[in-house]
Amino acid sequence: MSKHGGYGGGMGGINMQSLMQQARRMQEQMAKAQEELKEEEIEGSSGGGIVKVVVDGFGALKSVNISPAAVDPDDIEMLEDLIIAAYNEAAKEAEQIKSAKLPAGAGGMM
C-alpha cells in the first residue's frame, strides 16, 4: 500500500483508460449485434411446409403463413400444433444465431 492508503497505480495497477476503452468496444459490439439480430429473418416450418413462420434473431414472431390445405375446420387443434411446431423450430435457430452473434458473456446483459 502507498502511504496515502491506496494501492500503487490507483486501481491495483489496472489501467482505467484501457478498461473504459474495452467497455466502450463491448458496448459497440453489443449494439451492432442487437441491430443485426433485429434484422434477421429466420423461417421455421411444419407439416411439410404448409405452416411457415418467420422470427427475428431474438425469436420475436414477425409473420405467419398458413396454406389453405392446413385449414380443416374439424381439426383446428392440428393447425394449432403445426403453428407451435413451426415457431419452436424458428425460435431454436434464432437462439443459436443470437448466441453466435453476441459477445461472450453478454447473454445476461440482454
N, C-alpha and C. Protein backbone atom coordinates (compact mmCIF):
# COMPACT_ATOMS: atom_id res chain seq x y z
N MET A 1 0.82 -1.19 0.00
CA MET A 1 0.00 0.00 0.00
C MET A 1 0.86 1.24 0.00
N SER A 2 0.41 2.28 -0.64
CA SER A 2 1.15 3.53 -0.60
C SER A 2 0.88 4.22 0.73
N LYS A 3 1.63 5.27 1.01
CA LYS A 3 1.49 5.91 2.31
C LYS A 3 0.20 6.71 2.44
N HIS A 4 -0.58 6.84 1.35
CA HIS A 4 -1.86 7.57 1.41
C HIS A 4 -3.05 6.61 1.48
N GLY A 5 -2.82 5.34 1.73
CA GLY A 5 -3.89 4.39 1.93
C GLY A 5 -4.40 3.74 0.65
N GLY A 6 -3.88 4.08 -0.50
CA GLY A 6 -4.33 3.48 -1.75
C GLY A 6 -3.38 2.38 -2.17
N TYR A 7 -3.61 1.88 -3.34
CA TYR A 7 -2.73 0.88 -3.91
C TYR A 7 -1.93 1.52 -5.02
N GLY A 8 -0.74 1.06 -5.23
CA GLY A 8 0.08 1.61 -6.28
C GLY A 8 -0.62 1.52 -7.63
N GLY A 9 -0.66 2.59 -8.38
CA GLY A 9 -1.30 2.57 -9.69
C GLY A 9 -2.76 2.97 -9.63
N GLY A 10 -3.26 3.37 -8.49
CA GLY A 10 -4.63 3.87 -8.41
C GLY A 10 -5.63 2.75 -8.20
N MET A 11 -5.74 1.80 -9.11
CA MET A 11 -6.74 0.73 -9.02
C MET A 11 -6.03 -0.62 -8.98
N GLY A 12 -5.04 -0.75 -8.15
CA GLY A 12 -4.34 -2.02 -8.06
C GLY A 12 -3.54 -2.32 -9.32
N GLY A 13 -3.13 -1.28 -10.04
CA GLY A 13 -2.34 -1.46 -11.24
C GLY A 13 -3.18 -1.57 -12.51
N ILE A 14 -4.52 -1.50 -12.39
CA ILE A 14 -5.39 -1.60 -13.56
C ILE A 14 -5.37 -0.25 -14.29
N ASN A 15 -5.19 -0.30 -15.58
CA ASN A 15 -5.22 0.91 -16.39
C ASN A 15 -6.68 1.24 -16.69
N MET A 16 -7.22 2.25 -15.99
CA MET A 16 -8.64 2.59 -16.12
C MET A 16 -9.00 3.02 -17.55
N GLN A 17 -8.12 3.75 -18.20
CA GLN A 17 -8.41 4.20 -19.55
C GLN A 17 -8.56 3.00 -20.49
N SER A 18 -7.69 2.04 -20.34
CA SER A 18 -7.77 0.83 -21.16
C SER A 18 -9.06 0.06 -20.86
N LEU A 19 -9.41 -0.03 -19.61
CA LEU A 19 -10.63 -0.72 -19.19
C LEU A 19 -11.87 -0.03 -19.77
N MET A 20 -11.88 1.29 -19.75
CA MET A 20 -13.01 2.04 -20.30
C MET A 20 -13.11 1.85 -21.82
N GLN A 21 -11.97 1.82 -22.50
CA GLN A 21 -11.97 1.59 -23.94
C GLN A 21 -12.52 0.20 -24.26
N GLN A 22 -12.14 -0.79 -23.48
CA GLN A 22 -12.65 -2.15 -23.69
C GLN A 22 -14.16 -2.19 -23.47
N ALA A 23 -14.62 -1.51 -22.43
CA ALA A 23 -16.06 -1.48 -22.15
C ALA A 23 -16.81 -0.79 -23.29
N ARG A 24 -16.26 0.29 -23.81
CA ARG A 24 -16.89 1.01 -24.93
C ARG A 24 -16.96 0.12 -26.17
N ARG A 25 -15.86 -0.61 -26.45
CA ARG A 25 -15.85 -1.52 -27.60
C ARG A 25 -16.91 -2.61 -27.44
N MET A 26 -17.02 -3.14 -26.23
CA MET A 26 -18.00 -4.19 -25.99
C MET A 26 -19.42 -3.64 -26.18
N GLN A 27 -19.67 -2.43 -25.72
CA GLN A 27 -20.99 -1.81 -25.91
C GLN A 27 -21.30 -1.64 -27.39
N GLU A 28 -20.30 -1.22 -28.15
CA GLU A 28 -20.48 -1.04 -29.59
C GLU A 28 -20.77 -2.38 -30.26
N GLN A 29 -20.04 -3.43 -29.86
CA GLN A 29 -20.27 -4.76 -30.42
C GLN A 29 -21.67 -5.25 -30.07
N MET A 30 -22.09 -5.01 -28.84
CA MET A 30 -23.43 -5.41 -28.41
C MET A 30 -24.49 -4.69 -29.23
N ALA A 31 -24.34 -3.39 -29.40
CA ALA A 31 -25.33 -2.62 -30.16
C ALA A 31 -25.41 -3.10 -31.60
N LYS A 32 -24.26 -3.37 -32.20
CA LYS A 32 -24.23 -3.86 -33.58
C LYS A 32 -24.89 -5.23 -33.67
N ALA A 33 -24.56 -6.13 -32.75
CA ALA A 33 -25.13 -7.47 -32.75
C ALA A 33 -26.64 -7.41 -32.54
N GLN A 34 -27.10 -6.54 -31.64
CA GLN A 34 -28.54 -6.42 -31.40
C GLN A 34 -29.26 -5.90 -32.64
N GLU A 35 -28.67 -4.95 -33.32
CA GLU A 35 -29.28 -4.43 -34.55
C GLU A 35 -29.35 -5.53 -35.62
N GLU A 36 -28.28 -6.28 -35.75
CA GLU A 36 -28.26 -7.38 -36.72
C GLU A 36 -29.32 -8.43 -36.37
N LEU A 37 -29.47 -8.73 -35.08
CA LEU A 37 -30.45 -9.72 -34.67
C LEU A 37 -31.88 -9.25 -34.94
N LYS A 38 -32.14 -7.95 -34.81
CA LYS A 38 -33.47 -7.41 -35.13
C LYS A 38 -33.79 -7.59 -36.61
N GLU A 39 -32.76 -7.51 -37.45
CA GLU A 39 -32.95 -7.60 -38.89
C GLU A 39 -33.00 -9.03 -39.42
N GLU A 40 -32.55 -10.00 -38.61
CA GLU A 40 -32.55 -11.40 -39.03
C GLU A 40 -33.98 -11.84 -39.36
N GLU A 41 -34.09 -12.72 -40.34
CA GLU A 41 -35.37 -13.36 -40.64
C GLU A 41 -35.14 -14.85 -40.71
N ILE A 42 -35.63 -15.56 -39.71
CA ILE A 42 -35.41 -16.99 -39.60
C ILE A 42 -36.76 -17.68 -39.78
N GLU A 43 -36.80 -18.60 -40.73
CA GLU A 43 -38.05 -19.29 -41.03
C GLU A 43 -38.09 -20.66 -40.38
N GLY A 44 -39.24 -20.98 -39.85
CA GLY A 44 -39.50 -22.32 -39.36
C GLY A 44 -40.74 -22.82 -40.05
N SER A 45 -40.78 -24.11 -40.30
CA SER A 45 -41.96 -24.66 -40.98
C SER A 45 -42.34 -26.00 -40.37
N SER A 46 -43.56 -26.40 -40.64
CA SER A 46 -44.03 -27.71 -40.18
C SER A 46 -45.06 -28.22 -41.17
N GLY A 47 -45.38 -29.49 -41.02
CA GLY A 47 -46.37 -30.11 -41.91
C GLY A 47 -45.92 -30.10 -43.35
N GLY A 48 -44.62 -30.29 -43.56
CA GLY A 48 -44.10 -30.29 -44.93
C GLY A 48 -44.17 -28.93 -45.59
N GLY A 49 -44.17 -27.88 -44.77
CA GLY A 49 -44.16 -26.51 -45.32
C GLY A 49 -45.54 -25.88 -45.43
N ILE A 50 -46.59 -26.55 -44.93
CA ILE A 50 -47.91 -25.93 -45.05
C ILE A 50 -48.13 -24.83 -44.01
N VAL A 51 -47.30 -24.83 -42.96
CA VAL A 51 -47.30 -23.74 -42.00
C VAL A 51 -45.88 -23.22 -41.90
N LYS A 52 -45.72 -21.91 -42.11
CA LYS A 52 -44.39 -21.29 -42.02
C LYS A 52 -44.50 -20.06 -41.12
N VAL A 53 -43.48 -19.87 -40.32
CA VAL A 53 -43.38 -18.67 -39.50
C VAL A 53 -42.01 -18.05 -39.71
N VAL A 54 -41.92 -16.75 -39.49
CA VAL A 54 -40.65 -16.04 -39.55
C VAL A 54 -40.48 -15.31 -38.22
N VAL A 55 -39.29 -15.47 -37.62
CA VAL A 55 -38.96 -14.77 -36.39
C VAL A 55 -37.70 -13.95 -36.62
N ASP A 56 -37.49 -12.97 -35.74
CA ASP A 56 -36.23 -12.22 -35.81
C ASP A 56 -35.19 -12.96 -34.97
N GLY A 57 -34.01 -12.40 -34.86
CA GLY A 57 -32.91 -13.04 -34.15
C GLY A 57 -33.12 -13.17 -32.66
N PHE A 58 -34.14 -12.49 -32.14
CA PHE A 58 -34.47 -12.60 -30.72
C PHE A 58 -35.60 -13.60 -30.50
N GLY A 59 -36.15 -14.13 -31.61
CA GLY A 59 -37.24 -15.09 -31.51
C GLY A 59 -38.62 -14.45 -31.55
N ALA A 60 -38.68 -13.14 -31.79
CA ALA A 60 -39.97 -12.46 -31.87
C ALA A 60 -40.64 -12.81 -33.21
N LEU A 61 -41.89 -13.18 -33.14
CA LEU A 61 -42.64 -13.58 -34.32
C LEU A 61 -42.88 -12.39 -35.24
N LYS A 62 -42.50 -12.54 -36.52
CA LYS A 62 -42.67 -11.47 -37.50
C LYS A 62 -43.80 -11.76 -38.48
N SER A 63 -43.97 -13.04 -38.84
CA SER A 63 -45.05 -13.37 -39.76
C SER A 63 -45.43 -14.84 -39.65
N VAL A 64 -46.65 -15.12 -40.10
CA VAL A 64 -47.17 -16.48 -40.14
C VAL A 64 -47.81 -16.67 -41.51
N ASN A 65 -47.50 -17.80 -42.15
CA ASN A 65 -48.10 -18.13 -43.44
C ASN A 65 -48.70 -19.52 -43.33
N ILE A 66 -50.01 -19.61 -43.58
CA ILE A 66 -50.70 -20.88 -43.46
C ILE A 66 -51.32 -21.22 -44.81
N SER A 67 -50.94 -22.37 -45.33
CA SER A 67 -51.50 -22.84 -46.59
C SER A 67 -52.97 -23.21 -46.38
N PRO A 68 -53.82 -22.92 -47.35
CA PRO A 68 -55.23 -23.32 -47.23
C PRO A 68 -55.39 -24.82 -46.95
N ALA A 69 -54.45 -25.63 -47.40
CA ALA A 69 -54.52 -27.07 -47.17
C ALA A 69 -54.45 -27.42 -45.68
N ALA A 70 -53.90 -26.51 -44.89
CA ALA A 70 -53.76 -26.77 -43.45
C ALA A 70 -55.03 -26.47 -42.69
N VAL A 71 -55.99 -25.80 -43.33
CA VAL A 71 -57.19 -25.34 -42.63
C VAL A 71 -58.30 -26.39 -42.77
N ASP A 72 -58.51 -27.10 -41.70
CA ASP A 72 -59.60 -28.07 -41.61
C ASP A 72 -60.46 -27.64 -40.42
N PRO A 73 -61.65 -27.11 -40.70
CA PRO A 73 -62.49 -26.61 -39.60
C PRO A 73 -62.80 -27.69 -38.55
N ASP A 74 -62.70 -28.94 -38.92
CA ASP A 74 -62.97 -30.02 -37.97
C ASP A 74 -61.73 -30.42 -37.17
N ASP A 75 -60.57 -29.84 -37.51
CA ASP A 75 -59.33 -30.21 -36.80
C ASP A 75 -58.46 -28.97 -36.57
N ILE A 76 -59.01 -28.01 -35.86
CA ILE A 76 -58.27 -26.78 -35.53
C ILE A 76 -57.06 -27.11 -34.66
N GLU A 77 -57.17 -28.12 -33.83
CA GLU A 77 -56.07 -28.50 -32.94
C GLU A 77 -54.81 -28.86 -33.73
N MET A 78 -54.97 -29.54 -34.87
CA MET A 78 -53.81 -29.89 -35.68
C MET A 78 -53.13 -28.62 -36.20
N LEU A 79 -53.91 -27.65 -36.65
CA LEU A 79 -53.35 -26.39 -37.14
C LEU A 79 -52.61 -25.67 -36.02
N GLU A 80 -53.18 -25.65 -34.85
CA GLU A 80 -52.51 -25.03 -33.71
C GLU A 80 -51.16 -25.71 -33.43
N ASP A 81 -51.16 -27.02 -33.47
CA ASP A 81 -49.92 -27.78 -33.24
C ASP A 81 -48.88 -27.48 -34.32
N LEU A 82 -49.32 -27.35 -35.57
CA LEU A 82 -48.40 -27.03 -36.66
C LEU A 82 -47.77 -25.65 -36.46
N ILE A 83 -48.58 -24.69 -36.02
CA ILE A 83 -48.06 -23.34 -35.78
C ILE A 83 -47.02 -23.38 -34.67
N ILE A 84 -47.33 -24.08 -33.59
CA ILE A 84 -46.40 -24.18 -32.47
C ILE A 84 -45.10 -24.85 -32.91
N ALA A 85 -45.20 -25.91 -33.67
CA ALA A 85 -44.00 -26.62 -34.14
C ALA A 85 -43.14 -25.74 -35.03
N ALA A 86 -43.77 -25.00 -35.93
CA ALA A 86 -43.03 -24.12 -36.82
C ALA A 86 -42.34 -23.02 -36.03
N TYR A 87 -43.06 -22.44 -35.06
CA TYR A 87 -42.46 -21.39 -34.24
C TYR A 87 -41.29 -21.92 -33.43
N ASN A 88 -41.46 -23.07 -32.81
CA ASN A 88 -40.38 -23.64 -32.00
C ASN A 88 -39.14 -23.91 -32.82
N GLU A 89 -39.31 -24.37 -34.05
CA GLU A 89 -38.16 -24.61 -34.93
C GLU A 89 -37.42 -23.30 -35.21
N ALA A 90 -38.17 -22.26 -35.54
CA ALA A 90 -37.55 -20.97 -35.85
C ALA A 90 -36.91 -20.35 -34.61
N ALA A 91 -37.58 -20.45 -33.47
CA ALA A 91 -37.05 -19.86 -32.23
C ALA A 91 -35.76 -20.55 -31.80
N LYS A 92 -35.67 -21.85 -32.01
CA LYS A 92 -34.44 -22.59 -31.66
C LYS A 92 -33.27 -22.11 -32.52
N GLU A 93 -33.53 -21.93 -33.80
CA GLU A 93 -32.47 -21.43 -34.69
C GLU A 93 -32.09 -19.99 -34.33
N ALA A 94 -33.10 -19.18 -33.98
CA ALA A 94 -32.83 -17.80 -33.58
C ALA A 94 -31.92 -17.76 -32.36
N GLU A 95 -32.15 -18.64 -31.41
CA GLU A 95 -31.33 -18.70 -30.20
C GLU A 95 -29.89 -19.05 -30.54
N GLN A 96 -29.70 -19.97 -31.47
CA GLN A 96 -28.35 -20.34 -31.89
C GLN A 96 -27.65 -19.17 -32.57
N ILE A 97 -28.37 -18.45 -33.41
CA ILE A 97 -27.80 -17.29 -34.10
C ILE A 97 -27.46 -16.20 -33.09
N LYS A 98 -28.36 -15.97 -32.13
CA LYS A 98 -28.11 -14.95 -31.10
C LYS A 98 -26.87 -15.29 -30.30
N SER A 99 -26.74 -16.54 -29.92
CA SER A 99 -25.56 -16.97 -29.13
C SER A 99 -24.28 -16.77 -29.92
N ALA A 100 -24.34 -16.98 -31.22
CA ALA A 100 -23.14 -16.83 -32.05
C ALA A 100 -22.78 -15.36 -32.27
N LYS A 101 -23.78 -14.48 -32.32
CA LYS A 101 -23.51 -13.07 -32.66
C LYS A 101 -23.15 -12.21 -31.47
N LEU A 102 -23.73 -12.51 -30.31
CA LEU A 102 -23.48 -11.66 -29.15
C LEU A 102 -22.11 -11.98 -28.56
N PRO A 103 -21.41 -10.96 -28.09
CA PRO A 103 -20.11 -11.20 -27.47
C PRO A 103 -20.25 -12.16 -26.29
N ALA A 104 -19.22 -12.93 -26.05
CA ALA A 104 -19.21 -13.91 -24.96
C ALA A 104 -19.56 -13.21 -23.64
N GLY A 105 -20.43 -13.83 -22.88
CA GLY A 105 -20.81 -13.28 -21.58
C GLY A 105 -21.87 -12.20 -21.65
N ALA A 106 -22.37 -11.89 -22.83
CA ALA A 106 -23.34 -10.80 -22.97
C ALA A 106 -24.77 -11.27 -22.75
N GLY A 107 -24.99 -12.57 -22.72
CA GLY A 107 -26.34 -13.09 -22.59
C GLY A 107 -27.08 -12.54 -21.39
N GLY A 108 -26.41 -12.40 -20.25
CA GLY A 108 -27.05 -11.88 -19.06
C GLY A 108 -27.32 -10.40 -19.11
N MET A 109 -26.74 -9.69 -20.06
CA MET A 109 -26.94 -8.25 -20.16
C MET A 109 -28.16 -7.89 -21.00
N MET A 110 -28.74 -8.87 -21.64
CA MET A 110 -29.85 -8.60 -22.55
C MET A 110 -31.09 -8.26 -21.79
